[in-house]
N, C-alpha and C. Protein backbone atom coordinates (compact mmCIF):
# COMPACT_ATOMS: atom_id res chain seq x y z
N UNK A 1 0.84 -1.18 0.00
CA UNK A 1 0.00 0.00 0.00
C UNK A 1 0.88 1.24 0.00
N UNK A 2 0.50 2.21 -0.80
CA UNK A 2 1.26 3.45 -0.88
C UNK A 2 0.91 4.33 0.31
N UNK A 3 1.92 4.84 0.99
CA UNK A 3 1.68 5.68 2.16
C UNK A 3 1.92 7.16 1.89
N UNK A 4 2.19 7.54 0.65
CA UNK A 4 2.38 8.95 0.32
C UNK A 4 3.79 9.46 0.51
N UNK A 5 4.70 8.60 0.92
CA UNK A 5 6.07 9.05 1.10
C UNK A 5 6.90 8.71 -0.14
N UNK A 6 8.04 9.33 -0.20
CA UNK A 6 8.95 9.08 -1.32
C UNK A 6 10.37 8.93 -0.80
N UNK A 7 11.15 8.21 -1.55
CA UNK A 7 12.58 8.10 -1.28
C UNK A 7 13.30 8.70 -2.47
N UNK A 8 14.23 9.58 -2.18
CA UNK A 8 15.02 10.21 -3.24
C UNK A 8 16.45 9.75 -3.07
N UNK A 9 17.03 9.26 -4.13
CA UNK A 9 18.44 8.88 -4.13
C UNK A 9 19.17 9.81 -5.09
N UNK A 10 20.20 10.41 -4.59
CA UNK A 10 21.01 11.29 -5.43
C UNK A 10 22.31 10.60 -5.76
N UNK A 11 22.68 10.67 -7.00
CA UNK A 11 23.99 10.15 -7.41
C UNK A 11 24.50 11.03 -8.54
N UNK A 12 25.79 11.06 -8.68
CA UNK A 12 26.39 11.84 -9.76
C UNK A 12 27.50 11.02 -10.41
N UNK A 13 27.76 11.35 -11.63
CA UNK A 13 28.88 10.74 -12.34
C UNK A 13 29.76 11.88 -12.84
N UNK A 14 30.99 11.85 -12.45
CA UNK A 14 31.93 12.89 -12.85
C UNK A 14 32.98 12.30 -13.78
N UNK A 15 33.39 13.06 -14.79
CA UNK A 15 34.43 12.56 -15.69
C UNK A 15 35.79 12.55 -14.99
N UNK A 16 36.66 11.75 -15.51
CA UNK A 16 38.03 11.76 -15.01
C UNK A 16 38.66 13.12 -15.30
N UNK A 17 39.61 13.49 -14.50
CA UNK A 17 40.35 14.73 -14.73
C UNK A 17 41.24 14.58 -15.97
N UNK A 18 41.70 15.68 -16.54
CA UNK A 18 42.53 15.60 -17.75
C UNK A 18 43.73 14.66 -17.63
N UNK A 19 44.27 14.51 -16.41
CA UNK A 19 45.42 13.62 -16.25
C UNK A 19 45.01 12.16 -16.04
N UNK A 20 43.69 11.89 -16.11
CA UNK A 20 43.20 10.52 -15.97
C UNK A 20 42.86 10.12 -14.55
N UNK A 21 43.10 11.00 -13.60
CA UNK A 21 42.79 10.67 -12.21
C UNK A 21 41.33 10.96 -11.89
N UNK A 22 40.87 10.38 -10.80
CA UNK A 22 39.49 10.60 -10.37
C UNK A 22 39.34 11.99 -9.77
N UNK A 23 38.16 12.60 -9.94
CA UNK A 23 37.95 13.90 -9.31
C UNK A 23 37.95 13.76 -7.78
N UNK A 24 38.27 14.82 -7.07
CA UNK A 24 38.30 14.73 -5.61
C UNK A 24 36.93 14.36 -5.04
N UNK A 25 36.92 13.51 -4.03
CA UNK A 25 35.68 13.10 -3.38
C UNK A 25 34.94 14.31 -2.84
N UNK A 26 35.67 15.31 -2.39
CA UNK A 26 35.06 16.52 -1.85
C UNK A 26 34.18 17.22 -2.89
N UNK A 27 34.57 17.16 -4.15
CA UNK A 27 33.78 17.77 -5.20
C UNK A 27 32.43 17.06 -5.32
N UNK A 28 32.46 15.75 -5.34
CA UNK A 28 31.22 14.99 -5.42
C UNK A 28 30.36 15.24 -4.19
N UNK A 29 30.97 15.25 -3.02
CA UNK A 29 30.23 15.50 -1.78
C UNK A 29 29.56 16.87 -1.81
N UNK A 30 30.28 17.88 -2.31
CA UNK A 30 29.73 19.23 -2.37
C UNK A 30 28.54 19.28 -3.33
N UNK A 31 28.68 18.67 -4.49
CA UNK A 31 27.58 18.65 -5.45
C UNK A 31 26.35 17.95 -4.88
N UNK A 32 26.55 16.84 -4.22
CA UNK A 32 25.43 16.12 -3.61
C UNK A 32 24.80 16.94 -2.49
N UNK A 33 25.61 17.66 -1.75
CA UNK A 33 25.08 18.51 -0.67
C UNK A 33 24.19 19.61 -1.25
N UNK A 34 24.62 20.25 -2.32
CA UNK A 34 23.81 21.30 -2.94
C UNK A 34 22.52 20.73 -3.52
N UNK A 35 22.58 19.57 -4.12
CA UNK A 35 21.37 18.94 -4.65
C UNK A 35 20.39 18.62 -3.52
N UNK A 36 20.92 18.10 -2.42
CA UNK A 36 20.09 17.79 -1.26
C UNK A 36 19.44 19.05 -0.70
N UNK A 37 20.20 20.13 -0.63
CA UNK A 37 19.66 21.40 -0.14
C UNK A 37 18.52 21.89 -1.04
N UNK A 38 18.69 21.74 -2.33
CA UNK A 38 17.64 22.14 -3.27
C UNK A 38 16.37 21.35 -3.07
N UNK A 39 16.51 20.04 -2.87
CA UNK A 39 15.33 19.21 -2.62
C UNK A 39 14.63 19.63 -1.33
N UNK A 40 15.41 19.90 -0.30
CA UNK A 40 14.82 20.32 0.98
C UNK A 40 14.11 21.67 0.83
N UNK A 41 14.65 22.56 0.03
CA UNK A 41 14.00 23.85 -0.18
C UNK A 41 12.69 23.69 -0.94
N UNK A 42 12.60 22.67 -1.78
CA UNK A 42 11.37 22.41 -2.54
C UNK A 42 10.33 21.63 -1.74
N UNK A 43 10.72 21.07 -0.60
CA UNK A 43 9.82 20.23 0.19
C UNK A 43 8.47 20.89 0.46
N UNK A 44 8.41 22.16 0.90
CA UNK A 44 7.10 22.77 1.17
C UNK A 44 6.19 22.80 -0.06
N UNK A 45 6.78 22.97 -1.23
CA UNK A 45 5.98 22.99 -2.45
C UNK A 45 5.33 21.63 -2.66
N UNK A 46 6.12 20.56 -2.58
CA UNK A 46 5.59 19.23 -2.83
C UNK A 46 4.64 18.77 -1.74
N UNK A 47 4.90 19.16 -0.49
CA UNK A 47 4.02 18.73 0.60
C UNK A 47 2.69 19.46 0.58
N UNK A 48 2.62 20.58 -0.11
CA UNK A 48 1.38 21.36 -0.16
C UNK A 48 0.77 21.41 -1.56
N UNK A 49 1.22 20.56 -2.43
CA UNK A 49 0.73 20.53 -3.80
C UNK A 49 -0.73 20.09 -3.82
N UNK A 50 -1.58 20.88 -4.42
CA UNK A 50 -3.01 20.56 -4.51
C UNK A 50 -3.29 19.94 -5.87
N UNK A 51 -3.48 18.63 -5.87
CA UNK A 51 -3.70 17.90 -7.13
C UNK A 51 -5.15 18.00 -7.61
N UNK A 52 -6.02 18.66 -6.82
CA UNK A 52 -7.42 18.78 -7.23
C UNK A 52 -7.66 20.03 -8.07
N UNK A 53 -6.70 20.93 -8.14
CA UNK A 53 -6.85 22.15 -8.92
C UNK A 53 -6.72 21.82 -10.40
N UNK A 54 -7.68 22.28 -11.18
CA UNK A 54 -7.63 22.07 -12.63
C UNK A 54 -6.68 23.09 -13.25
N UNK A 55 -5.60 22.63 -13.89
CA UNK A 55 -4.67 23.58 -14.49
C UNK A 55 -5.29 24.30 -15.69
N UNK A 56 -4.86 25.53 -15.89
CA UNK A 56 -5.32 26.33 -17.04
C UNK A 56 -4.09 26.68 -17.87
N UNK A 57 -3.71 25.77 -18.74
CA UNK A 57 -2.51 25.95 -19.55
C UNK A 57 -2.78 26.89 -20.72
N UNK A 58 -1.72 27.54 -21.17
CA UNK A 58 -1.79 28.39 -22.34
C UNK A 58 -0.76 27.89 -23.36
N UNK A 59 -0.69 28.54 -24.48
CA UNK A 59 0.26 28.13 -25.52
C UNK A 59 1.70 28.19 -25.03
N UNK A 60 1.98 29.08 -24.08
CA UNK A 60 3.34 29.20 -23.56
C UNK A 60 3.73 28.02 -22.66
N UNK A 61 2.80 27.17 -22.33
CA UNK A 61 3.06 26.05 -21.42
C UNK A 61 3.38 24.74 -22.12
N UNK A 62 3.76 24.80 -23.37
CA UNK A 62 4.05 23.58 -24.13
C UNK A 62 5.13 22.74 -23.45
N UNK A 63 6.17 23.38 -22.92
CA UNK A 63 7.24 22.63 -22.24
C UNK A 63 6.73 21.97 -20.97
N UNK A 64 5.87 22.66 -20.23
CA UNK A 64 5.29 22.09 -19.01
C UNK A 64 4.47 20.86 -19.36
N UNK A 65 3.65 20.96 -20.38
CA UNK A 65 2.82 19.82 -20.79
C UNK A 65 3.67 18.64 -21.25
N UNK A 66 4.72 18.92 -21.99
CA UNK A 66 5.61 17.85 -22.45
C UNK A 66 6.28 17.17 -21.26
N UNK A 67 6.71 17.95 -20.27
CA UNK A 67 7.34 17.38 -19.08
C UNK A 67 6.34 16.55 -18.27
N UNK A 68 5.13 17.05 -18.13
CA UNK A 68 4.10 16.28 -17.39
C UNK A 68 3.81 14.96 -18.10
N UNK A 69 3.75 14.98 -19.42
CA UNK A 69 3.52 13.74 -20.18
C UNK A 69 4.67 12.76 -19.94
N UNK A 70 5.89 13.26 -19.94
CA UNK A 70 7.06 12.44 -19.66
C UNK A 70 6.95 11.81 -18.27
N UNK A 71 6.56 12.60 -17.28
CA UNK A 71 6.49 12.13 -15.89
C UNK A 71 5.37 11.13 -15.65
N UNK A 72 4.32 11.16 -16.45
CA UNK A 72 3.18 10.27 -16.24
C UNK A 72 3.58 8.80 -16.21
N UNK A 73 4.59 8.44 -16.95
CA UNK A 73 4.97 7.02 -17.00
C UNK A 73 5.58 6.53 -15.69
N UNK A 74 5.91 7.45 -14.80
CA UNK A 74 6.50 7.07 -13.53
C UNK A 74 5.48 6.99 -12.38
N UNK A 75 4.24 7.35 -12.65
CA UNK A 75 3.22 7.29 -11.62
C UNK A 75 2.85 5.85 -11.32
N UNK A 76 2.99 5.44 -10.07
CA UNK A 76 2.69 4.06 -9.68
C UNK A 76 1.23 3.72 -9.88
N UNK A 77 0.34 4.67 -9.66
CA UNK A 77 -1.08 4.40 -9.76
C UNK A 77 -1.53 4.10 -11.18
N UNK A 78 -0.71 4.42 -12.16
CA UNK A 78 -1.06 4.17 -13.56
C UNK A 78 -0.39 2.94 -14.14
N UNK A 79 0.46 2.30 -13.35
CA UNK A 79 1.12 1.09 -13.85
C UNK A 79 0.15 -0.07 -13.84
N UNK A 80 0.26 -0.90 -14.85
CA UNK A 80 -0.64 -2.06 -14.90
C UNK A 80 -0.01 -3.28 -14.30
């Protein structure tokens, strides 16, 4: 049963440095920290999202509609 919670896993892939060595772990840690901070800042938006509101899209919202269509395939309630 779905309880309304989500798990977010952050991962990054960094290219090797020009000399062929791995990038410093601190760089990856910093990037992950900033990504985590961004998700936490968005938390109030997602926790208060009203899915009962009927959207009123305009022609300028083509990118939003395309993104929503892309995301629909990840909704658990629509999987068969």
